[in-house]
Amino acid sequence: MDKSLTTLLLSCTLLISLCVPSLAQTCGNYTFSGNRSFSTCNDLPQLSCSLHWNYHPLNMTADIAFRKSGASTSNWISWSLNPRRARMAGSQALVAYQKSDGSMYAYTTPLDGNPNMQPGGLSFDVPRITAEYSSDGNMIIFATLQLSDILISTNQVWQEGPMKGGNPGTHSFSGQNGKSVGTVNFVNGSVLSTSGTSSKTKKKNVHGVLNAVSWGILMPVGIIIARYLKVFKSAGPAWFYLHAICQSSGYAVGVAGWATGIKLGSDSPGITYGTHRNLGIIIFFLGTLQVLALLLRPKPDHKYRRYWNIYHHAVGYTTVVLSIGNIFEGFDILESGNNWKTAYIGVLVFLGVVAAVMEALTWFIVIKRKKTASSAKHANGENIYGSREQQTV
């Protein structure tokens, strides 16, 4: 009986020992020094980190604590916000590490063109930032953030890496380090991991593909057709119909891309990409004007046809130039933007080569035709002169 009781107690002890560490890993069970307490916290899915905060809606500030458990004193830690993209590059970061004298050093650094993580001001105010290394192996950054509408719900990125010569060194880009991204909403307390391909990312990719194909490929192809094919007499009126098909198809696909952008904006309150959005509105407006202008297109012999052509060409080229610029602006927003950018650059290079070859060929044809016409005119003039001379004689 005693042996059975002892076995039961040992089993219970083992069960408790397995459960307690699991409970200890949750952010809500952690006790901070200095009687600090936070109303909201989330365990981040990578690198054994957690984020704790108190949000103050009256002045839109947040007191945060970013905690890395099991931290090494030979490593640095970082937590950052990035309203433009879910990645470390371009983020606004808080960094901390232990100096050689044992004291903790915490500072801010913008990681846009500052890969060495040197101290610098952020795009938002950080009135207070400190750090500590606790006796239980937790490295913690404490800070107060002055938030704005765009930062209330945005991307967050966290990292750790080795110290090199007293300064933060390059962190790993694989494993958990490559997945330590997500979103945070300081108001409702939600934290989502974006280590995989989220539904929003898929929508962004669809939005990018639709606009790149419409404004960035079909529209330029339509311009190339209109500029070069009409020089060939054998093309007849076919060049105009091909041009119209490309432009109308491009506009239709572009409307779908514009609509997906509007939907993405409505699904992302507080996140605004001002330049990309404003250019998109201008491009859609100019594209719509082009379509409506077709209804007012004068006949070829009309006295206003020349002015309509000037307008049509000017608006068309402006739309394409702005579209290409905005497509690259969009690639900077996409999480996998570099791959899309490389592919699109390849398409632009191909179209550029085609345009250059066609430009040279059409000029050759035009010059040749002028020479032929001039020779024919000169020959006809000589025949007329000769016949007149004969009549005089």
Protein backbone atom coordinates (compact mmCIF):
# COMPACT_ATOMS: atom_id res chain seq x y z
CA MET A 1 0.00 0.00 0.00
CA ASP A 2 2.83 2.36 0.91
CA LYS A 3 4.65 1.41 -2.26
CA SER A 4 1.58 2.14 -4.35
CA LEU A 5 1.11 5.49 -2.65
CA THR A 6 4.74 6.35 -3.26
CA THR A 7 4.40 5.46 -6.93
CA LEU A 8 1.29 7.62 -7.19
CA LEU A 9 3.03 10.59 -5.57
CA LEU A 10 6.02 10.21 -7.89
CA SER A 11 3.71 10.12 -10.89
CA CYS A 12 1.90 13.26 -9.73
CA THR A 13 5.22 15.01 -9.12
CA LEU A 14 6.41 14.11 -12.62
CA LEU A 15 3.16 15.34 -14.14
CA ILE A 16 3.40 18.65 -12.27
CA SER A 17 7.03 19.06 -13.28
CA LEU A 18 6.03 18.67 -16.92
CA CYS A 19 3.09 21.07 -16.67
CA VAL A 20 4.70 23.86 -14.66
CA PRO A 21 7.40 24.74 -17.22
CA SER A 22 4.71 24.83 -19.87
CA LEU A 23 2.72 27.28 -17.79
CA ALA A 24 5.83 29.30 -17.05
CA GLN A 25 6.37 29.85 -20.75
CA THR A 26 3.16 31.84 -21.13
CA CYS A 27 3.69 35.60 -21.11
CA GLY A 28 0.88 36.23 -18.61
CA ASN A 29 2.72 34.35 -15.87
CA TYR A 30 5.88 36.40 -16.05
CA THR A 31 6.65 38.83 -13.23
CA PHE A 32 8.72 41.89 -14.08
CA SER A 33 11.05 43.69 -11.74
CA GLY A 34 10.16 47.07 -10.27
CA ASN A 35 6.48 46.17 -9.92
CA ARG A 36 5.98 46.68 -13.63
CA SER A 37 2.76 45.18 -14.99
CA PHE A 38 1.20 45.03 -18.45
CA SER A 39 -2.45 44.51 -19.32
CA THR A 40 -1.79 42.77 -22.66
CA CYS A 41 0.81 40.28 -23.75
CA ASN A 42 1.41 37.73 -26.48
CA ASP A 43 3.89 34.91 -26.85
CA LEU A 44 5.58 35.41 -30.19
CA PRO A 45 5.86 32.26 -32.31
CA GLN A 46 9.62 32.38 -32.94
CA LEU A 47 12.85 32.81 -30.94
CA SER A 48 11.20 32.31 -27.49
CA CYS A 49 10.11 35.93 -27.28
CA SER A 50 7.05 37.73 -25.97
CA LEU A 51 5.61 41.20 -26.25
CA HIS A 52 3.86 42.94 -23.34
CA TRP A 53 2.19 46.34 -23.45
CA ASN A 54 -0.19 48.91 -22.01
CA TYR A 55 -1.95 51.09 -24.59
CA HIS A 56 -3.11 54.61 -23.63
CA PRO A 57 -5.72 55.79 -26.18
CA LEU A 58 -5.93 59.36 -24.89
CA ASN A 59 -2.43 60.24 -26.09
CA MET A 60 -1.86 57.20 -28.37
CA THR A 61 1.17 55.94 -26.48
CA ALA A 62 2.12 52.39 -25.57
CA ASP A 63 4.40 51.19 -22.81
CA ILE A 64 5.97 47.98 -24.09
CA ALA A 65 8.27 45.26 -22.85
CA PHE A 66 9.92 42.98 -25.38
CA ARG A 67 11.28 39.88 -23.64
CA LYS A 68 13.66 37.22 -24.94
CA SER A 69 13.79 34.22 -22.61
CA GLY A 70 16.94 32.12 -22.39
CA ALA A 71 18.93 35.01 -23.85
CA SER A 72 22.70 34.88 -24.18
CA THR A 73 24.77 37.80 -22.98
CA SER A 74 26.86 37.44 -26.13
CA ASN A 75 23.80 38.20 -28.30
CA TRP A 76 21.81 41.29 -29.09
CA ILE A 77 18.01 41.42 -29.32
CA SER A 78 15.75 43.67 -31.35
CA TRP A 79 12.07 44.44 -31.78
CA SER A 80 10.76 46.76 -34.45
CA LEU A 81 7.73 48.13 -36.27
CA ASN A 82 7.60 48.29 -40.05
CA PRO A 83 4.41 49.78 -41.54
CA ARG A 84 5.66 49.26 -45.10
CA ARG A 85 6.54 45.58 -45.17
CA ALA A 86 6.85 42.48 -43.02
CA ARG A 87 10.64 42.34 -42.89
CA MET A 88 13.58 43.74 -40.93
CA ALA A 89 14.89 45.97 -43.72
CA GLY A 90 13.30 49.40 -43.49
CA SER A 91 11.94 48.85 -39.99
CA GLN A 92 12.08 51.17 -37.00
CA ALA A 93 13.91 49.15 -34.34
CA LEU A 94 14.64 49.01 -30.63
CA VAL A 95 17.92 47.22 -29.87
CA ALA A 96 19.55 46.05 -26.64
CA TYR A 97 22.66 44.13 -25.62
CA GLN A 98 24.98 43.71 -22.66
CA LYS A 99 28.21 45.70 -22.79
CA SER A 100 31.60 44.36 -21.69
CA ASP A 101 31.22 46.01 -18.27
CA GLY A 102 28.01 44.07 -17.63
CA SER A 103 25.62 47.01 -18.04
CA MET A 104 22.74 46.90 -20.51
CA TYR A 105 22.60 49.28 -23.46
CA ALA A 106 19.33 50.05 -25.26
CA TYR A 107 18.84 52.41 -28.19
CA THR A 108 16.77 53.06 -31.32
CA THR A 109 17.93 52.57 -34.89
CA PRO A 110 16.18 52.98 -38.26
CA LEU A 111 17.10 50.03 -40.47
CA ASP A 112 16.52 51.82 -43.75
CA GLY A 113 19.96 52.33 -45.28
CA ASN A 114 21.52 51.69 -41.86
CA PRO A 115 22.51 47.98 -41.95
CA ASN A 116 25.13 48.40 -39.20
CA MET A 117 22.41 49.11 -36.64
CA GLN A 118 24.00 52.31 -35.39
CA PRO A 119 21.94 54.53 -33.04
CA GLY A 120 19.54 56.92 -34.73
CA GLY A 121 16.12 58.53 -34.47
CA LEU A 122 12.97 56.72 -35.60
CA SER A 123 10.01 57.90 -37.65
CA PHE A 124 8.07 58.05 -34.36
CA ASP A 125 9.07 59.27 -30.90
CA VAL A 126 10.41 56.92 -28.24
CA PRO A 127 10.45 59.07 -25.06
CA ARG A 128 11.87 56.27 -22.93
CA ILE A 129 13.92 53.16 -23.60
CA THR A 130 15.85 50.96 -21.14
CA ALA A 131 16.91 47.33 -20.95
CA GLU A 132 17.76 44.73 -18.33
CA TYR A 133 19.12 41.20 -18.10
CA SER A 134 17.28 39.33 -15.35
CA SER A 135 18.69 36.64 -13.10
CA ASP A 136 16.49 34.05 -14.80
CA GLY A 137 18.10 34.65 -18.20
CA ASN A 138 15.58 37.06 -19.71
CA MET A 139 16.81 40.01 -21.75
CA ILE A 140 14.12 42.69 -21.82
CA ILE A 141 13.64 46.01 -23.61
CA PHE A 142 11.32 48.51 -21.91
CA ALA A 143 10.13 51.48 -23.96
CA THR A 144 7.38 54.04 -24.40
CA LEU A 145 6.21 54.52 -28.00
CA GLN A 146 4.40 57.53 -29.41
CA LEU A 147 2.12 55.84 -31.93
CA SER A 148 0.20 57.22 -34.90
CA ASP A 149 -2.79 55.94 -36.86
CA ILE A 150 -0.53 53.94 -39.17
CA LEU A 151 1.26 52.28 -36.24
CA ILE A 152 -1.81 51.22 -34.24
CA SER A 153 -2.05 48.05 -36.34
CA THR A 154 1.08 47.22 -38.31
CA ASN A 155 3.91 44.78 -38.97
CA GLN A 156 6.30 43.81 -36.21
CA VAL A 157 9.67 42.12 -36.58
CA TRP A 158 11.90 40.72 -33.86
CA GLN A 159 15.42 39.30 -34.02
CA GLU A 160 18.48 38.18 -32.14
CA GLY A 161 22.04 37.90 -33.36
CA PRO A 162 25.65 37.67 -32.21
CA MET A 163 27.81 40.52 -30.99
CA LYS A 164 30.90 41.19 -33.10
CA GLY A 165 33.64 43.41 -31.72
CA GLY A 166 31.30 45.13 -29.31
CA ASN A 167 28.68 45.85 -31.97
CA PRO A 168 25.63 43.92 -33.23
CA GLY A 169 26.63 41.43 -35.92
CA THR A 170 24.59 39.91 -38.74
CA HIS A 171 21.82 37.61 -37.62
CA SER A 172 20.87 34.33 -39.30
CA PHE A 173 18.37 34.49 -42.15
CA SER A 174 17.20 30.88 -41.88
CA GLY A 175 15.26 28.87 -39.34
CA GLN A 176 13.33 30.86 -36.74
CA ASN A 177 15.23 34.05 -37.59
CA GLY A 178 13.75 33.91 -41.09
CA LYS A 179 10.22 33.58 -39.72
CA SER A 180 10.23 36.12 -36.89
CA VAL A 181 7.69 38.50 -38.45
CA GLY A 182 4.05 39.19 -37.77
CA THR A 183 1.51 41.89 -37.06
CA VAL A 184 0.44 43.63 -33.87
CA ASN A 185 -2.67 45.61 -33.02
CA PHE A 186 -2.12 47.70 -29.90
CA VAL A 187 -5.84 48.40 -29.50
CA ASN A 188 -7.42 44.96 -29.62
CA GLY A 189 -4.33 43.08 -28.45
CA SER A 190 -4.04 40.74 -31.42
CA VAL A 191 -0.73 39.40 -32.65
CA LEU A 192 -0.56 37.32 -35.80
CA SER A 193 2.34 35.43 -37.30
CA THR A 194 3.04 35.99 -40.99
CA SER A 195 5.76 33.39 -41.32
CA GLY A 196 3.64 31.62 -43.92
CA THR A 197 1.73 32.99 -46.88
CA SER A 198 -1.27 34.73 -45.33
CA SER A 199 -4.57 35.49 -47.03
CA LYS A 200 -3.63 39.17 -47.13
CA THR A 201 -0.30 38.34 -48.77
CA LYS A 202 -2.12 36.35 -51.45
CA LYS A 203 -4.43 39.32 -52.06
CA LYS A 204 -1.42 41.61 -52.35
CA ASN A 205 0.15 39.26 -54.89
CA VAL A 206 -3.07 39.15 -56.93
CA HIS A 207 -3.30 42.94 -56.79
CA GLY A 208 0.31 43.25 -57.93
CA VAL A 209 0.01 40.75 -60.79
CA LEU A 210 -3.21 42.31 -62.12
CA ASN A 211 -1.74 45.81 -62.18
CA ALA A 212 1.63 44.74 -63.56
CA VAL A 213 -0.03 42.85 -66.42
CA SER A 214 -2.58 45.58 -67.19
CA TRP A 215 -0.87 48.95 -66.73
CA GLY A 216 2.69 47.65 -66.95
CA ILE A 217 2.55 45.20 -69.90
CA LEU A 218 -0.65 45.39 -71.97
CA MET A 219 -0.67 49.19 -72.09
CA PRO A 220 2.97 49.50 -73.29
CA VAL A 221 2.39 46.71 -75.84
CA GLY A 222 -0.63 48.62 -77.14
CA ILE A 223 1.50 51.74 -77.56
CA ILE A 224 4.22 49.78 -79.40
CA ILE A 225 1.58 48.39 -81.78
CA ALA A 226 0.12 51.83 -82.49
CA ARG A 227 3.49 53.47 -83.02
CA TYR A 228 5.17 50.90 -85.25
CA LEU A 229 2.71 48.57 -86.99
CA LYS A 230 0.84 51.35 -88.77
CA VAL A 231 4.01 52.14 -90.72
CA PHE A 232 3.64 48.84 -92.58
CA LYS A 233 1.10 49.16 -95.38
CA SER A 234 0.36 45.45 -95.21
CA ALA A 235 -0.93 45.89 -91.66
CA GLY A 236 -3.82 47.97 -92.96
CA PRO A 237 -6.38 48.86 -90.27
CA ALA A 238 -5.48 45.73 -88.28
CA TRP A 239 -2.95 47.72 -86.22
CA PHE A 240 -5.75 49.92 -84.88
CA TYR A 241 -7.89 46.97 -83.78
CA LEU A 242 -4.90 45.30 -82.09
CA HIS A 243 -4.11 48.57 -80.34
CA ALA A 244 -7.71 48.95 -79.18
CA ILE A 245 -7.84 45.35 -77.93
CA CYS A 246 -4.63 45.74 -75.92
CA GLN A 247 -5.69 49.05 -74.38
CA SER A 248 -9.25 48.01 -73.56
CA SER A 249 -8.09 44.67 -72.11
CA GLY A 250 -5.42 46.45 -70.11
CA TYR A 251 -7.97 48.87 -68.72
CA ALA A 252 -10.40 46.08 -67.81
CA VAL A 253 -7.72 44.10 -65.97
CA GLY A 254 -6.50 47.35 -64.39
CA VAL A 255 -9.96 48.04 -63.00
CA ALA A 256 -9.89 44.61 -61.33
CA GLY A 257 -6.44 45.38 -59.91
CA TRP A 258 -7.59 48.77 -58.67
CA ALA A 259 -10.61 47.17 -56.99
CA THR A 260 -8.41 44.64 -55.17
CA GLY A 261 -6.27 47.54 -53.95
CA ILE A 262 -9.35 49.30 -52.56
CA LYS A 263 -10.36 46.07 -50.80
CA LEU A 264 -6.88 45.64 -49.32
CA GLY A 265 -7.03 49.19 -48.00
CA SER A 266 -10.39 48.63 -46.34
CA ASP A 267 -9.11 45.39 -44.78
CA SER A 268 -6.04 47.13 -43.35
CA PRO A 269 -7.22 50.02 -41.15
CA GLY A 270 -4.36 52.22 -40.01
CA ILE A 271 -1.98 50.99 -42.75
CA THR A 272 -1.59 53.45 -45.61
CA TYR A 273 0.94 53.48 -48.45
CA GLY A 274 0.48 57.09 -49.44
CA THR A 275 2.62 57.32 -52.58
CA HIS A 276 1.41 54.01 -54.00
CA ARG A 277 -2.24 54.83 -53.29
CA ASN A 278 -2.09 58.37 -54.71
CA LEU A 279 -0.33 57.24 -57.89
CA GLY A 280 -2.90 54.48 -58.28
CA ILE A 281 -5.74 56.99 -58.10
CA ILE A 282 -4.07 59.27 -60.68
CA ILE A 283 -3.38 56.34 -63.04
CA PHE A 284 -6.94 55.06 -62.79
CA PHE A 285 -8.26 58.58 -63.47
CA LEU A 286 -6.02 59.04 -66.55
CA GLY A 287 -6.87 55.57 -67.85
CA THR A 288 -10.58 56.32 -67.51
CA LEU A 289 -10.11 59.60 -69.38
CA GLN A 290 -8.46 57.70 -72.24
CA VAL A 291 -11.38 55.31 -72.49
CA LEU A 292 -13.93 58.13 -72.43
CA ALA A 293 -11.92 60.09 -75.00
CA LEU A 294 -12.54 57.31 -77.54
CA LEU A 295 -16.20 58.32 -77.53
CA LEU A 296 -15.19 61.86 -78.57
CA ARG A 297 -12.61 60.82 -81.18
CA PRO A 298 -12.97 63.10 -84.24
CA LYS A 299 -12.78 61.75 -87.79
CA PRO A 300 -9.32 61.78 -89.42
CA ASP A 301 -10.13 64.82 -91.59
CA HIS A 302 -11.74 66.83 -88.76
CA LYS A 303 -10.03 70.12 -87.88
CA TYR A 304 -9.76 69.14 -84.20
CA ARG A 305 -8.29 65.70 -84.86
CA ARG A 306 -4.73 67.05 -84.53
CA TYR A 307 -5.42 68.37 -81.02
CA TRP A 308 -7.14 65.12 -80.04
CA ASN A 309 -4.05 63.19 -81.16
CA ILE A 310 -1.79 65.39 -79.03
CA TYR A 311 -4.03 64.84 -76.01
CA HIS A 312 -4.30 61.09 -76.64
CA HIS A 313 -0.54 60.60 -76.96
CA ALA A 314 0.34 62.82 -73.99
CA VAL A 315 -2.12 61.17 -71.60
CA GLY A 316 -1.23 57.68 -72.86
CA TYR A 317 2.53 58.05 -72.37
CA THR A 318 2.04 59.76 -69.00
CA THR A 319 -0.17 56.91 -67.81
CA VAL A 320 2.36 54.26 -68.78
CA VAL A 321 5.31 56.09 -67.18
CA LEU A 322 3.41 56.62 -63.93
CA SER A 323 2.20 53.02 -64.02
CA ILE A 324 5.69 51.58 -64.31
CA GLY A 325 6.87 53.77 -61.43
CA ASN A 326 3.94 52.72 -59.28
CA ILE A 327 4.48 49.05 -60.06
CA PHE A 328 8.00 49.28 -58.63
CA GLU A 329 6.56 51.16 -55.66
CA GLY A 330 4.25 48.19 -55.16
CA PHE A 331 7.11 45.70 -55.34
CA ASP A 332 8.65 47.43 -52.32
CA ILE A 333 5.46 46.71 -50.39
CA LEU A 334 5.18 43.04 -51.35
CA GLU A 335 6.93 40.61 -49.02
CA SER A 336 8.40 38.75 -52.01
CA GLY A 337 8.81 41.94 -54.02
CA ASN A 338 12.37 41.26 -55.19
CA ASN A 339 11.32 38.18 -57.16
CA TRP A 340 8.47 40.03 -58.83
CA LYS A 341 10.72 43.01 -59.50
CA THR A 342 13.36 40.87 -61.22
CA ALA A 343 10.74 39.23 -63.45
CA TYR A 344 9.17 42.56 -64.39
CA ILE A 345 12.53 44.14 -65.15
CA GLY A 346 13.09 41.26 -67.56
CA VAL A 347 9.77 42.04 -69.27
CA LEU A 348 10.65 45.75 -69.53
CA VAL A 349 14.05 44.95 -71.01
CA PHE A 350 12.40 42.72 -73.62
CA LEU A 351 9.85 45.41 -74.52
CA GLY A 352 12.63 47.99 -74.64
CA VAL A 353 14.65 45.88 -77.09
CA VAL A 354 11.57 45.31 -79.25
CA ALA A 355 10.81 49.05 -79.26
CA ALA A 356 14.42 49.93 -80.14
CA VAL A 357 14.50 47.48 -83.06
CA MET A 358 11.11 48.63 -84.33
CA GLU A 359 12.10 52.30 -83.97
CA ALA A 360 15.16 51.76 -86.15
CA LEU A 361 13.19 49.70 -88.67
CA THR A 362 10.35 52.19 -89.00
CA TRP A 363 12.74 55.11 -89.44
CA PHE A 364 14.52 53.14 -92.16
CA ILE A 365 11.20 52.50 -93.91
CA VAL A 366 10.05 56.12 -93.60
CA ILE A 367 13.36 57.53 -94.90
CA LYS A 368 13.39 55.05 -97.76
CA ARG A 369 9.85 55.99 -98.72
CA LYS A 370 10.74 59.69 -98.69
CA LYS A 371 13.73 59.08 -100.92
CA THR A 372 11.61 57.01 -103.27
CA ALA A 373 8.90 59.68 -103.34
CA SER A 374 11.49 62.41 -103.91
CA SER A 375 13.11 60.47 -106.74
CA ALA A 376 9.75 59.86 -108.35
CA LYS A 377 8.85 63.52 -108.06
CA HIS A 378 12.16 64.56 -109.53
CA ALA A 379 11.79 62.08 -112.35
CA ASN A 380 8.29 63.28 -113.12
CA GLY A 381 9.54 66.86 -113.10
CA GLU A 382 12.25 66.01 -115.63
CA ASN A 383 9.71 64.31 -117.90
CA ILE A 384 7.46 67.33 -117.74
CA TYR A 385 10.39 69.66 -118.38
CA GLY A 386 11.54 67.50 -121.26
CA SER A 387 8.11 67.40 -122.84
CA ARG A 388 7.79 71.17 -122.45
CA GLU A 389 11.19 71.63 -124.02
CA GLN A 390 10.14 69.51 -126.93
CA GLN A 391 6.95 71.51 -127.30
CA THR A 392 8.94 74.73 -127.30
CA VAL A 393 11.25 73.42 -129.94
